[in-house]
C-alpha atoms as a PDB file:
ATOM      1  CA  MET A   1     -24.576 -16.560  -0.636  1.00  0.00           C
ATOM      2  CA  LEU A   2     -25.655 -12.835   0.161  1.00  0.00           C
ATOM      3  CA  SER A   3     -22.410 -11.322  -1.465  1.00  0.00           C
ATOM      4  CA  GLN A   4     -22.837 -13.472  -4.588  1.00  0.00           C
ATOM      5  CA  LEU A   5     -26.405 -12.496  -4.781  1.00  0.00           C
ATOM      6  CA  ASP A   6     -25.711  -8.868  -4.405  1.00  0.00           C
ATOM      7  CA  GLU A   7     -23.145  -8.879  -7.270  1.00  0.00           C
ATOM      8  CA  VAL A   8     -26.161 -10.319  -9.475  1.00  0.00           C
ATOM      9  CA  ILE A   9     -28.300  -7.740  -8.268  1.00  0.00           C
ATOM     10  CA  ARG A  10     -25.896  -4.985  -9.252  1.00  0.00           C
ATOM     11  CA  ARG A  11     -25.631  -6.052 -12.880  1.00  0.00           C
ATOM     12  CA  PRO A  12     -27.019  -3.278 -15.175  1.00  0.00           C
ATOM     13  CA  GLY A  13     -30.402  -4.177 -16.634  1.00  0.00           C
ATOM     14  CA  ILE A  14     -31.224  -6.989 -14.298  1.00  0.00           C
ATOM     15  CA  THR A  15     -35.054  -6.953 -13.527  1.00  0.00           C
ATOM     16  CA  ASP A  16     -35.739 -10.501 -11.941  1.00  0.00           C
ATOM     17  CA  ILE A  17     -33.789 -12.996 -10.123  1.00  0.00           C
ATOM     18  CA  LEU A  18     -35.562 -16.531  -9.377  1.00  0.00           C
ATOM     19  CA  ILE A  19     -33.890 -19.111  -7.166  1.00  0.00           C
ATOM     20  CA  ASN A  20     -35.687 -22.620  -6.959  1.00  0.00           C
ATOM     21  CA  GLY A  21     -34.007 -24.190  -4.056  1.00  0.00           C
ATOM     22  CA  ASP A  22     -30.983 -26.287  -4.873  1.00  0.00           C
ATOM     23  CA  ARG A  23     -32.156 -26.525  -8.552  1.00  0.00           C
ATOM     24  CA  GLY A  24     -30.362 -23.167  -9.509  1.00  0.00           C
ATOM     25  CA  MET A  25     -30.977 -19.453 -10.386  1.00  0.00           C
ATOM     26  CA  TRP A  26     -32.616 -17.848 -13.237  1.00  0.00           C
ATOM     27  CA  VAL A  27     -32.157 -14.260 -14.226  1.00  0.00           C
ATOM     28  CA  ASP A  28     -33.831 -11.668 -16.512  1.00  0.00           C
ATOM     29  CA  GLU A  29     -31.515  -9.066 -17.998  1.00  0.00           C
ATOM     30  CA  GLY A  30     -34.355  -7.543 -20.148  1.00  0.00           C
ATOM     31  CA  HIS A  31     -34.360 -10.359 -22.659  1.00  0.00           C
ATOM     32  CA  GLY A  32     -36.044 -13.185 -20.974  1.00  0.00           C
ATOM     33  CA  LEU A  33     -35.019 -15.721 -18.378  1.00  0.00           C
ATOM     34  CA  ALA A  34     -31.636 -17.346 -18.516  1.00  0.00           C
ATOM     35  CA  ARG A  35     -29.953 -19.778 -15.925  1.00  0.00           C
ATOM     36  CA  GLU A  36     -27.140 -18.218 -13.919  1.00  0.00           C
ATOM     37  CA  LEU A  37     -24.257 -20.905 -14.447  1.00  0.00           C
ATOM     38  CA  SER A  38     -22.320 -19.468 -11.659  1.00  0.00           C
ATOM     39  CA  TRP A  39     -24.797 -19.923  -8.982  1.00  0.00           C
ATOM     40  CA  VAL A  40     -24.640 -23.246  -6.938  1.00  0.00           C
ATOM     41  CA  ALA A  41     -26.343 -23.550  -3.542  1.00  0.00           C
ATOM     42  CA  THR A  42     -27.862 -26.274  -1.278  1.00  0.00           C
ATOM     43  CA  GLU A  43     -31.354 -26.210  -0.070  1.00  0.00           C
ATOM     44  CA  ALA A  44     -29.897 -25.214   3.511  1.00  0.00           C
ATOM     45  CA  GLU A  45     -27.982 -22.344   2.015  1.00  0.00           C
ATOM     46  CA  VAL A  46     -31.054 -21.029   0.179  1.00  0.00           C
ATOM     47  CA  ARG A  47     -33.126 -21.349   3.045  1.00  0.00           C
ATOM     48  CA  ARG A  48     -30.849 -19.395   5.110  1.00  0.00           C
ATOM     49  CA  LEU A  49     -30.437 -16.787   2.450  1.00  0.00           C
ATOM     50  CA  ALA A  50     -34.248 -16.551   2.225  1.00  0.00           C
ATOM     51  CA  ARG A  51     -34.417 -15.730   5.915  1.00  0.00           C
ATOM     52  CA  GLU A  52     -31.701 -13.267   5.869  1.00  0.00           C
ATOM     53  CA  LEU A  53     -33.251 -11.424   3.020  1.00  0.00           C
ATOM     54  CA  VAL A  54     -36.727 -11.339   4.771  1.00  0.00           C
ATOM     55  CA  ALA A  55     -35.104 -10.167   8.135  1.00  0.00           C
ATOM     56  CA  ARG A  56     -33.359  -7.189   6.175  1.00  0.00           C
ATOM     57  CA  GLY A  57     -37.146  -5.847   5.666  1.00  0.00           C
ATOM     58  CA  GLY A  58     -37.899  -6.289   9.312  1.00  0.00           C
ATOM     59  CA  ARG A  59     -40.205  -9.359   8.720  1.00  0.00           C
ATOM     60  CA  HIS A  60     -39.949 -12.986   9.560  1.00  0.00           C
ATOM     61  CA  LEU A  61     -39.939 -16.383   7.468  1.00  0.00           C
ATOM     62  CA  ASP A  62     -40.882 -19.495   9.408  1.00  0.00           C
ATOM     63  CA  GLU A  63     -43.466 -22.210   9.700  1.00  0.00           C
ATOM     64  CA  ALA A  64     -46.049 -19.842  10.911  1.00  0.00           C
ATOM     65  CA  HIS A  65     -45.196 -17.531   7.886  1.00  0.00           C
ATOM     66  CA  PRO A  66     -44.121 -19.673   5.305  1.00  0.00           C
ATOM     67  CA  CYS A  67     -44.896 -17.057   2.452  1.00  0.00           C
ATOM     68  CA  VAL A  68     -43.664 -13.578   2.775  1.00  0.00           C
ATOM     69  CA  ASP A  69     -43.229 -10.466   0.656  1.00  0.00           C
ATOM     70  CA  VAL A  70     -40.728  -7.608   1.741  1.00  0.00           C
ATOM     71  CA  ARG A  71     -38.584  -4.855   0.696  1.00  0.00           C
ATOM     72  CA  ALA A  72     -35.073  -5.858   1.315  1.00  0.00           C
ATOM     73  CA  GLY A  73     -33.367  -2.610   0.010  1.00  0.00           C
ATOM     74  CA  GLN A  74     -34.070   0.489  -1.987  1.00  0.00           C
ATOM     75  CA  GLY A  75     -35.796  -0.754  -5.196  1.00  0.00           C
ATOM     76  CA  ILE A  76     -35.628  -4.413  -4.294  1.00  0.00           C
ATOM     77  CA  ARG A  77     -38.538  -6.602  -3.394  1.00  0.00           C
ATOM     78  CA  VAL A  78     -38.225 -10.114  -2.320  1.00  0.00           C
ATOM     79  CA  HIS A  79     -40.847 -12.891  -2.022  1.00  0.00           C
ATOM     80  CA  ALA A  80     -39.797 -16.109  -0.313  1.00  0.00           C
ATOM     81  CA  VAL A  81     -41.825 -19.402   0.159  1.00  0.00           C
ATOM     82  CA  LEU A  82     -40.708 -22.131   2.409  1.00  0.00           C
ATOM     83  CA  PRO A  83     -41.508 -26.195   1.850  1.00  0.00           C
ATOM     84  CA  PRO A  84     -43.839 -27.804   1.901  1.00  0.00           C
ATOM     85  CA  ILE A  85     -45.934 -24.982   0.496  1.00  0.00           C
ATOM     86  CA  SER A  86     -43.094 -25.015  -2.377  1.00  0.00           C
ATOM     87  CA  GLY A  87     -42.533 -28.468  -3.771  1.00  0.00           C
ATOM     88  CA  VAL A  88     -39.152 -27.642  -4.879  1.00  0.00           C
ATOM     89  CA  GLY A  89     -37.399 -26.488  -1.804  1.00  0.00           C
ATOM     90  CA  THR A  90     -37.112 -22.817  -0.501  1.00  0.00           C
ATOM     91  CA  VAL A  91     -38.268 -20.392  -3.556  1.00  0.00           C
ATOM     92  CA  ILE A  92     -36.864 -16.959  -3.784  1.00  0.00           C
ATOM     93  CA  SER A  93     -38.396 -14.569  -6.257  1.00  0.00           C
ATOM     94  CA  ILE A  94     -36.554 -10.900  -6.457  1.00  0.00           C
ATOM     95  CA  ARG A  95     -37.611  -7.980  -8.480  1.00  0.00           C
ATOM     96  CA  VAL A  96     -35.089  -5.195  -8.884  1.00  0.00           C
ATOM     97  CA  ALA A  97     -37.015  -2.038  -9.761  1.00  0.00           C
ATOM     98  CA  GLY A  98     -33.924   0.246  -9.602  1.00  0.00           C
ATOM     99  CA  ALA A  99     -32.903   2.818  -7.187  1.00  0.00           C
ATOM    100  CA  LEU A 100     -33.391   5.969  -9.232  1.00  0.00           C
ATOM    101  CA  ALA A 101     -36.917   7.453  -9.499  1.00  0.00           C
ATOM    102  CA  ARG A 102     -37.870   8.060 -13.168  1.00  0.00           C
ATOM    103  CA  THR A 103     -39.611  11.016 -14.883  1.00  0.00           C
ATOM    104  CA  LEU A 104     -41.948  10.551 -17.930  1.00  0.00           C
ATOM    105  CA  SER A 105     -39.073  12.049 -20.152  1.00  0.00           C
ATOM    106  CA  ASP A 106     -36.963   9.306 -18.979  1.00  0.00           C
ATOM    107  CA  LEU A 107     -39.489   6.784 -20.158  1.00  0.00           C
ATOM    108  CA  VAL A 108     -39.623   8.596 -23.564  1.00  0.00           C
ATOM    109  CA  ASP A 109     -35.847   8.356 -23.918  1.00  0.00           C
ATOM    110  CA  GLY A 110     -36.164   4.540 -22.917  1.00  0.00           C
ATOM    111  CA  GLY A 111     -38.814   3.830 -25.559  1.00  0.00           C
ATOM    112  CA  MET A 112     -41.545   2.991 -23.132  1.00  0.00           C
ATOM    113  CA  MET A 113     -43.794   5.870 -24.482  1.00  0.00           C
ATOM    114  CA  THR A 114     -44.089   8.507 -27.083  1.00  0.00           C
ATOM    115  CA  ALA A 115     -44.104  12.449 -26.607  1.00  0.00           C
ATOM    116  CA  ASP A 116     -48.001  12.369 -27.327  1.00  0.00           C
ATOM    117  CA  GLN A 117     -48.393   9.870 -24.571  1.00  0.00           C
ATOM    118  CA  VAL A 118     -46.399  12.155 -22.094  1.00  0.00           C
ATOM    119  CA  GLU A 119     -48.289  15.221 -22.728  1.00  0.00           C
ATOM    120  CA  ARG A 120     -51.528  13.239 -22.438  1.00  0.00           C
ATOM    121  CA  ILE A 121     -50.644  11.525 -19.095  1.00  0.00           C
ATOM    122  CA  GLY A 122     -48.864  14.517 -17.672  1.00  0.00           C
ATOM    123  CA  SER A 123     -51.740  16.850 -18.277  1.00  0.00           C
ATOM    124  CA  VAL A 124     -54.043  14.465 -16.441  1.00  0.00           C
ATOM    125  CA  VAL A 125     -51.902  14.507 -13.391  1.00  0.00           C
ATOM    126  CA  ARG A 126     -51.279  18.388 -13.278  1.00  0.00           C
ATOM    127  CA  SER A 127     -55.163  18.776 -13.549  1.00  0.00           C
ATOM    128  CA  ARG A 128     -55.514  16.470 -10.498  1.00  0.00           C
ATOM    129  CA  GLY A 129     -56.951  13.640 -12.663  1.00  0.00           C
ATOM    130  CA  THR A 130     -56.481   9.985 -11.411  1.00  0.00           C
ATOM    131  CA  LEU A 131     -54.841   7.245 -12.944  1.00  0.00           C
ATOM    132  CA  LEU A 132     -55.282   3.438 -13.202  1.00  0.00           C
ATOM    133  CA  ILE A 133     -52.128   1.762 -14.692  1.00  0.00           C
ATOM    134  CA  ALA A 134     -52.980  -1.629 -16.059  1.00  0.00           C
ATOM    135  CA  GLY A 135     -50.770  -4.576 -17.176  1.00  0.00           C
ATOM    136  CA  ALA A 136     -49.359  -7.882 -16.589  1.00  0.00           C
ATOM    137  CA  ALA A 137     -46.659  -8.606 -14.204  1.00  0.00           C
ATOM    138  CA  GLY A 138     -43.455  -6.989 -14.910  1.00  0.00           C
ATOM    139  CA  SER A 139     -44.851  -4.851 -17.691  1.00  0.00           C
ATOM    140  CA  GLY A 140     -43.716  -1.503 -15.988  1.00  0.00           C
ATOM    141  CA  LYS A 141     -46.849  -0.311 -14.244  1.00  0.00           C
ATOM    142  CA  THR A 142     -45.069   0.801 -11.025  1.00  0.00           C
ATOM    143  CA  THR A 143     -42.549   2.394 -12.974  1.00  0.00           C
ATOM    144  CA  LEU A 144     -45.138   4.638 -15.159  1.00  0.00           C
ATOM    145  CA  LEU A 145     -47.124   5.345 -12.143  1.00  0.00           C
ATOM    146  CA  ALA A 146     -44.245   6.781 -10.221  1.00  0.00           C
ATOM    147  CA  ALA A 147     -43.123   8.755 -13.393  1.00  0.00           C
ATOM    148  CA  ALA A 148     -46.385  10.103 -13.745  1.00  0.00           C
ATOM    149  CA  LEU A 149     -46.848  11.149 -10.151  1.00  0.00           C
ATOM    150  CA  ALA A 150     -43.659  13.162 -10.385  1.00  0.00           C
ATOM    151  CA  GLU A 151     -45.418  15.652 -12.482  1.00  0.00           C
ATOM    152  CA  ALA A 152     -47.539  16.663  -9.160  1.00  0.00           C
ATOM    153  CA  PRO A 153     -46.679  20.161  -8.001  1.00  0.00           C
ATOM    154  CA  ALA A 154     -44.027  20.237  -5.396  1.00  0.00           C
ATOM    155  CA  THR A 155     -46.390  21.920  -2.974  1.00  0.00           C
ATOM    156  CA  GLU A 156     -48.702  18.873  -2.639  1.00  0.00           C
ATOM    157  CA  ARG A 157     -48.251  16.093  -0.440  1.00  0.00           C
ATOM    158  CA  ILE A 158     -48.485  12.405  -1.829  1.00  0.00           C
ATOM    159  CA  ILE A 159     -49.282   9.508   0.694  1.00  0.00           C
ATOM    160  CA  VAL A 160     -48.437   6.183  -0.915  1.00  0.00           C
ATOM    161  CA  LEU A 161     -49.821   2.846   0.453  1.00  0.00           C
ATOM    162  CA  GLU A 162     -48.085  -0.471  -0.508  1.00  0.00           C
ATOM    163  CA  ASP A 163     -47.831  -4.241   0.783  1.00  0.00           C
ATOM    164  CA  VAL A 164     -44.028  -3.620   0.106  1.00  0.00           C
ATOM    165  CA  ALA A 165     -42.750  -0.327  -0.900  1.00  0.00           C
ATOM    166  CA  GLU A 166     -41.660   0.086  -4.332  1.00  0.00           C
ATOM    167  CA  LEU A 167     -42.750   3.257  -5.733  1.00  0.00           C
ATOM    168  CA  ALA A 168     -39.790   5.647  -6.148  1.00  0.00           C
ATOM    169  CA  ILE A 169     -41.259   8.994  -7.047  1.00  0.00           C
ATOM    170  CA  ALA A 170     -39.163  12.058  -8.006  1.00  0.00           C
ATOM    171  CA  HIS A 171     -40.978  14.441  -5.590  1.00  0.00           C
ATOM    172  CA  PRO A 172     -40.079  16.379  -2.688  1.00  0.00           C
ATOM    173  CA  HIS A 173     -43.096  15.373  -0.299  1.00  0.00           C
ATOM    174  CA  VAL A 174     -43.839  11.676  -0.489  1.00  0.00           C
ATOM    175  CA  VAL A 175     -44.805   9.491   2.532  1.00  0.00           C
ATOM    176  CA  SER A 176     -44.759   5.929   2.140  1.00  0.00           C
ATOM    177  CA  LEU A 177     -46.833   3.577   4.145  1.00  0.00           C
ATOM    178  CA  GLU A 178     -46.572  -0.073   4.438  1.00  0.00           C
ATOM    179  CA  THR A 179     -48.942  -2.979   5.758  1.00  0.00           C
ATOM    180  CA  ARG A 180     -47.413  -5.116   8.495  1.00  0.00           C
ATOM    181  CA  GLN A 181     -47.744  -8.955   9.085  1.00  0.00           C
ATOM    182  CA  ALA A 182     -48.812 -10.276  12.418  1.00  0.00           C
ATOM    183  CA  ASN A 183     -46.000 -11.054  14.829  1.00  0.00           C
ATOM    184  CA  ILE A 184     -45.310 -14.811  15.839  1.00  0.00           C
ATOM    185  CA  GLU A 185     -48.145 -14.390  18.376  1.00  0.00           C
ATOM    186  CA  GLY A 186     -50.517 -13.769  15.688  1.00  0.00           C
ATOM    187  CA  ALA A 187     -51.115 -10.129  16.740  1.00  0.00           C
ATOM    188  CA  GLY A 188     -50.224  -6.576  15.379  1.00  0.00           C
ATOM    189  CA  ALA A 189     -51.312  -7.144  11.556  1.00  0.00           C
ATOM    190  CA  LEU A 190     -52.023  -4.063   9.747  1.00  0.00           C
ATOM    191  CA  GLY A 191     -53.891  -4.567   6.579  1.00  0.00           C
ATOM    192  CA  MET A 192     -54.454  -2.283   3.511  1.00  0.00           C
ATOM    193  CA  SER A 193     -57.984  -1.421   4.254  1.00  0.00           C
ATOM    194  CA  GLU A 194     -57.020   0.033   7.676  1.00  0.00           C
ATOM    195  CA  LEU A 195     -54.059   1.854   6.167  1.00  0.00           C
ATOM    196  CA  VAL A 196     -56.205   3.666   3.749  1.00  0.00           C
ATOM    197  CA  ARG A 197     -58.493   4.814   6.799  1.00  0.00           C
ATOM    198  CA  HIS A 198     -55.153   5.943   8.504  1.00  0.00           C
ATOM    199  CA  SER A 199     -53.987   7.807   5.611  1.00  0.00           C
ATOM    200  CA  LEU A 200     -57.041   9.916   5.191  1.00  0.00           C
ATOM    201  CA  ARG A 201     -56.161  11.625   8.512  1.00  0.00           C
ATOM    202  CA  MET A 202     -52.519  12.463   7.281  1.00  0.00           C
ATOM    203  CA  ARG A 203     -53.897  15.358   5.001  1.00  0.00           C
ATOM    204  CA  PRO A 204     -53.009  13.710   1.580  1.00  0.00           C
ATOM    205  CA  ASP A 205     -53.219  15.891  -1.527  1.00  0.00           C
ATOM    206  CA  ARG A 206     -52.732  12.781  -3.412  1.00  0.00           C
ATOM    207  CA  LEU A 207     -53.609   9.114  -2.344  1.00  0.00           C
ATOM    208  CA  VAL A 208     -51.747   6.505  -4.085  1.00  0.00           C
ATOM    209  CA  LEU A 209     -52.366   2.737  -3.701  1.00  0.00           C
ATOM    210  CA  GLY A 210     -49.655   0.639  -5.084  1.00  0.00           C
ATOM    211  CA  GLU A 211     -51.634  -2.175  -6.273  1.00  0.00           C
ATOM    212  CA  CYS A 212     -55.456  -2.558  -6.281  1.00  0.00           C
ATOM    213  CA  ARG A 213     -56.058  -6.325  -5.555  1.00  0.00           C
ATOM    214  CA  GLY A 214     -58.351  -6.814  -2.567  1.00  0.00           C
ATOM    215  CA  ALA A 215     -61.278  -5.694  -0.386  1.00  0.00           C
ATOM    216  CA  GLU A 216     -59.465  -2.274   0.094  1.00  0.00           C
ATOM    217  CA  ILE A 217     -61.016  -1.091  -3.211  1.00  0.00           C
ATOM    218  CA  GLY A 218     -64.187  -0.229  -1.440  1.00  0.00           C
ATOM    219  CA  VAL A 219     -62.502   2.322   0.958  1.00  0.00           C
ATOM    220  CA  PHE A 220     -60.049   3.367  -1.775  1.00  0.00           C
ATOM    221  CA  LEU A 221     -62.948   4.173  -4.246  1.00  0.00           C
ATOM    222  CA  THR A 222     -64.769   6.294  -1.322  1.00  0.00           C
ATOM    223  CA  ALA A 223     -61.888   8.044  -0.837  1.00  0.00           C
ATOM    224  CA  LEU A 224     -61.371   8.922  -4.528  1.00  0.00           C
ATOM    225  CA  ASN A 225     -64.881   9.917  -4.817  1.00  0.00           C
ATOM    226  CA  THR A 226     -65.001  12.265  -1.759  1.00  0.00           C
ATOM    227  CA  GLY A 227     -62.190  14.743  -2.423  1.00  0.00           C
ATOM    228  CA  HIS A 228     -59.158  12.941  -2.628  1.00  0.00           C
ATOM    229  CA  GLY A 229     -58.261  12.822  -6.250  1.00  0.00           C
ATOM    230  CA  GLY A 230     -55.066  13.235  -8.234  1.00  0.00           C
ATOM    231  CA  GLY A 231     -53.603   9.967  -7.207  1.00  0.00           C
ATOM    232  CA  GLY A 232     -53.531   6.566  -8.860  1.00  0.00           C
ATOM    233  CA  THR A 233     -52.981   2.900  -8.547  1.00  0.00           C
ATOM    234  CA  THR A 234     -52.055  -0.173 -10.655  1.00  0.00           C
ATOM    235  CA  LEU A 235     -54.102  -3.366 -11.494  1.00  0.00           C
ATOM    236  CA  HIS A 236     -52.974  -6.679 -12.880  1.00  0.00           C
ATOM    237  CA  ALA A 237     -54.748  -7.170 -16.231  1.00  0.00           C
ATOM    238  CA  ASN A 238     -53.566  -8.657 -19.615  1.00  0.00           C
ATOM    239  CA  SER A 239     -55.604  -6.268 -21.629  1.00  0.00           C
ATOM    240  CA  LEU A 240     -57.680  -3.193 -21.616  1.00  0.00           C
ATOM    241  CA  ALA A 241     -60.597  -5.509 -22.250  1.00  0.00           C
ATOM    242  CA  GLU A 242     -59.924  -7.320 -19.074  1.00  0.00           C
ATOM    243  CA  VAL A 243     -59.660  -4.134 -16.835  1.00  0.00           C
ATOM    244  CA  ALA A 244     -63.605  -3.992 -16.242  1.00  0.00           C
ATOM    245  CA  PRO A 245     -64.192  -7.648 -15.239  1.00  0.00           C
ATOM    246  CA  ARG A 246     -60.969  -7.617 -13.140  1.00  0.00           C
ATOM    247  CA  LEU A 247     -62.303  -4.659 -11.205  1.00  0.00           C
ATOM    248  CA  GLU A 248     -65.755  -6.275 -10.744  1.00  0.00           C
ATOM    249  CA  SER A 249     -64.224  -9.380  -9.187  1.00  0.00           C
ATOM    250  CA  ILE A 250     -62.124  -7.415  -6.923  1.00  0.00           C
ATOM    251  CA  GLY A 251     -65.159  -5.060  -6.150  1.00  0.00           C
ATOM    252  CA  MET A 252     -66.936  -8.363  -5.058  1.00  0.00           C
ATOM    253  CA  LEU A 253     -64.364  -8.817  -2.044  1.00  0.00           C
ATOM    254  CA  ALA A 254     -65.536  -5.400  -0.858  1.00  0.00           C
ATOM    255  CA  GLY A 255     -69.069  -6.282  -0.989  1.00  0.00           C
ATOM    256  CA  LEU A 256     -69.741  -3.991  -4.385  1.00  0.00           C
ATOM    257  CA  SER A 257     -72.233  -5.116  -6.566  1.00  0.00           C
ATOM    258  CA  PRO A 258     -71.150  -5.025 -10.612  1.00  0.00           C
ATOM    259  CA  GLU A 259     -73.367  -1.938 -10.653  1.00  0.00           C
ATOM    260  CA  VAL A 260     -72.199  -0.127  -7.791  1.00  0.00           C
ATOM    261  CA  LEU A 261     -68.478  -0.620  -8.641  1.00  0.00           C
ATOM    262  CA  ALA A 262     -69.089   0.691 -12.048  1.00  0.00           C
ATOM    263  CA  ARG A 263     -70.603   3.855 -10.970  1.00  0.00           C
ATOM    264  CA  HIS A 264     -67.751   4.242  -8.301  1.00  0.00           C
ATOM    265  CA  ALA A 265     -65.103   3.366 -10.715  1.00  0.00           C
ATOM    266  CA  ALA A 266     -66.187   5.361 -13.550  1.00  0.00           C
ATOM    267  CA  SER A 267     -66.171   8.490 -11.366  1.00  0.00           C
ATOM    268  CA  ALA A 268     -62.907   7.778  -9.443  1.00  0.00           C
ATOM    269  CA  TRP A 269     -60.447   7.168 -12.566  1.00  0.00           C
ATOM    270  CA  ASP A 270     -60.185   9.573 -15.215  1.00  0.00           C
ATOM    271  CA  PHE A 271     -57.889   7.393 -17.338  1.00  0.00           C
ATOM    272  CA  VAL A 272     -56.883   3.803 -17.781  1.00  0.00           C
ATOM    273  CA  VAL A 273     -53.245   3.196 -19.126  1.00  0.00           C
ATOM    274  CA  PHE A 274     -52.395  -0.124 -20.330  1.00  0.00           C
ATOM    275  CA  VAL A 275     -48.744  -1.118 -20.577  1.00  0.00           C
ATOM    276  CA  GLU A 276     -47.340  -4.397 -21.713  1.00  0.00           C
ATOM    277  CA  ARG A 277     -43.848  -6.115 -22.073  1.00  0.00           C
ATOM    278  CA  ASN A 278     -42.927  -8.009 -25.169  1.00  0.00           C
ATOM    279  CA  ALA A 279     -39.388  -9.346 -26.041  1.00  0.00           C
ATOM    280  CA  GLY A 280     -38.140  -7.455 -22.872  1.00  0.00           C
ATOM    281  CA  VAL A 281     -39.608  -4.241 -24.218  1.00  0.00           C
ATOM    282  CA  ARG A 282     -42.016  -2.352 -22.204  1.00  0.00           C
ATOM    283  CA  ARG A 283     -44.188   0.091 -23.747  1.00  0.00           C
ATOM    284  CA  VAL A 284     -47.604   1.880 -23.140  1.00  0.00           C
ATOM    285  CA  ALA A 285     -50.082   0.130 -25.553  1.00  0.00           C
ATOM    286  CA  GLY A 286     -53.148   1.961 -24.843  1.00  0.00           C
ATOM    287  CA  ILE A 287     -55.114   4.721 -23.201  1.00  0.00           C
ATOM    288  CA  ALA A 288     -58.870   4.442 -22.330  1.00  0.00           C
ATOM    289  CA  GLU A 289     -61.699   5.768 -19.967  1.00  0.00           C
ATOM    290  CA  LEU A 290     -63.984   3.916 -17.749  1.00  0.00           C
ATOM    291  CA  THR A 291     -67.685   4.510 -18.369  1.00  0.00           C
ATOM    292  CA  VAL A 292     -70.869   3.166 -17.222  1.00  0.00           C
ATOM    293  CA  GLY A 293     -72.404   1.017 -20.215  1.00  0.00           C
ATOM    294  CA  PRO A 294     -76.288   1.016 -21.126  1.00  0.00           C
ATOM    295  CA  ASP A 295     -76.683  -2.253 -18.868  1.00  0.00           C
ATOM    296  CA  GLY A 296     -75.298  -0.436 -15.676  1.00  0.00           C
ATOM    297  CA  LEU A 297     -71.814  -2.489 -15.960  1.00  0.00           C
ATOM    298  CA  LEU A 298     -68.261  -1.031 -16.107  1.00  0.00           C
ATOM    299  CA  GLN A 299     -66.848  -0.428 -19.499  1.00  0.00           C
ATOM    300  CA  CYS A 300     -63.268   0.347 -20.572  1.00  0.00           C
ATOM    301  CA  GLN A 301     -62.983   1.978 -23.875  1.00  0.00           C
END
């Protein structure tokens, strides 16, 4: 199973591989999902495959940990779910980001952005501005953030914090930190909020949060507003209009009122870049700023 899967992963243009127990495999090669007719596997084989992939990343998949996210190779992220959490058998979702770090020029060549957008985003990074890259799943948020951070001077140290390491940055001084799940005894977990606190003692010139989605937004915003600018993060949102309410809902997890979140966010992030994927094509669809409106709430415009 592993060798057959590796052959699929190595195909040019592959971005996603989805296995639904013994019901088959679907792949996305840049044109939407299509069934992989050459793949045939039993539920037992898929479960063994899921455990082997998770073990590659140093984590474990079992009844105590039935849902696991892990890095199973450079540029390869695996998410696995065991039944009965999944009603269709063992489900494996694989995101293939690619092993090569990209630059903003590479993204222009690929049609993701224009030269004017490159100049605007590049100038923000070089002037130590902080970016928030928003978009839906699979829209290219991580790719764009990594390419933008490659514009940072080589004399600076970039600390990257992720649940599963994905950011491949073309920069000579990048330190990547990952959260850790608890062991089989339920001890030893290291969450994102604690990881942010530890990173502040590591002399970061630029602090990067792979994805902003939980209570860690509180300590992260505090860091950005106390001299740790120049980095960035990504945010799941379906439009620029949804960025502000999405941040408000995440801020509530950290105990931040909408008004407090608005003041912190508006001063922490210099630009919001929205990316989208349409018919397999990823592109920068808009650039905006976060401001505090007359009502004291966050606005993205």
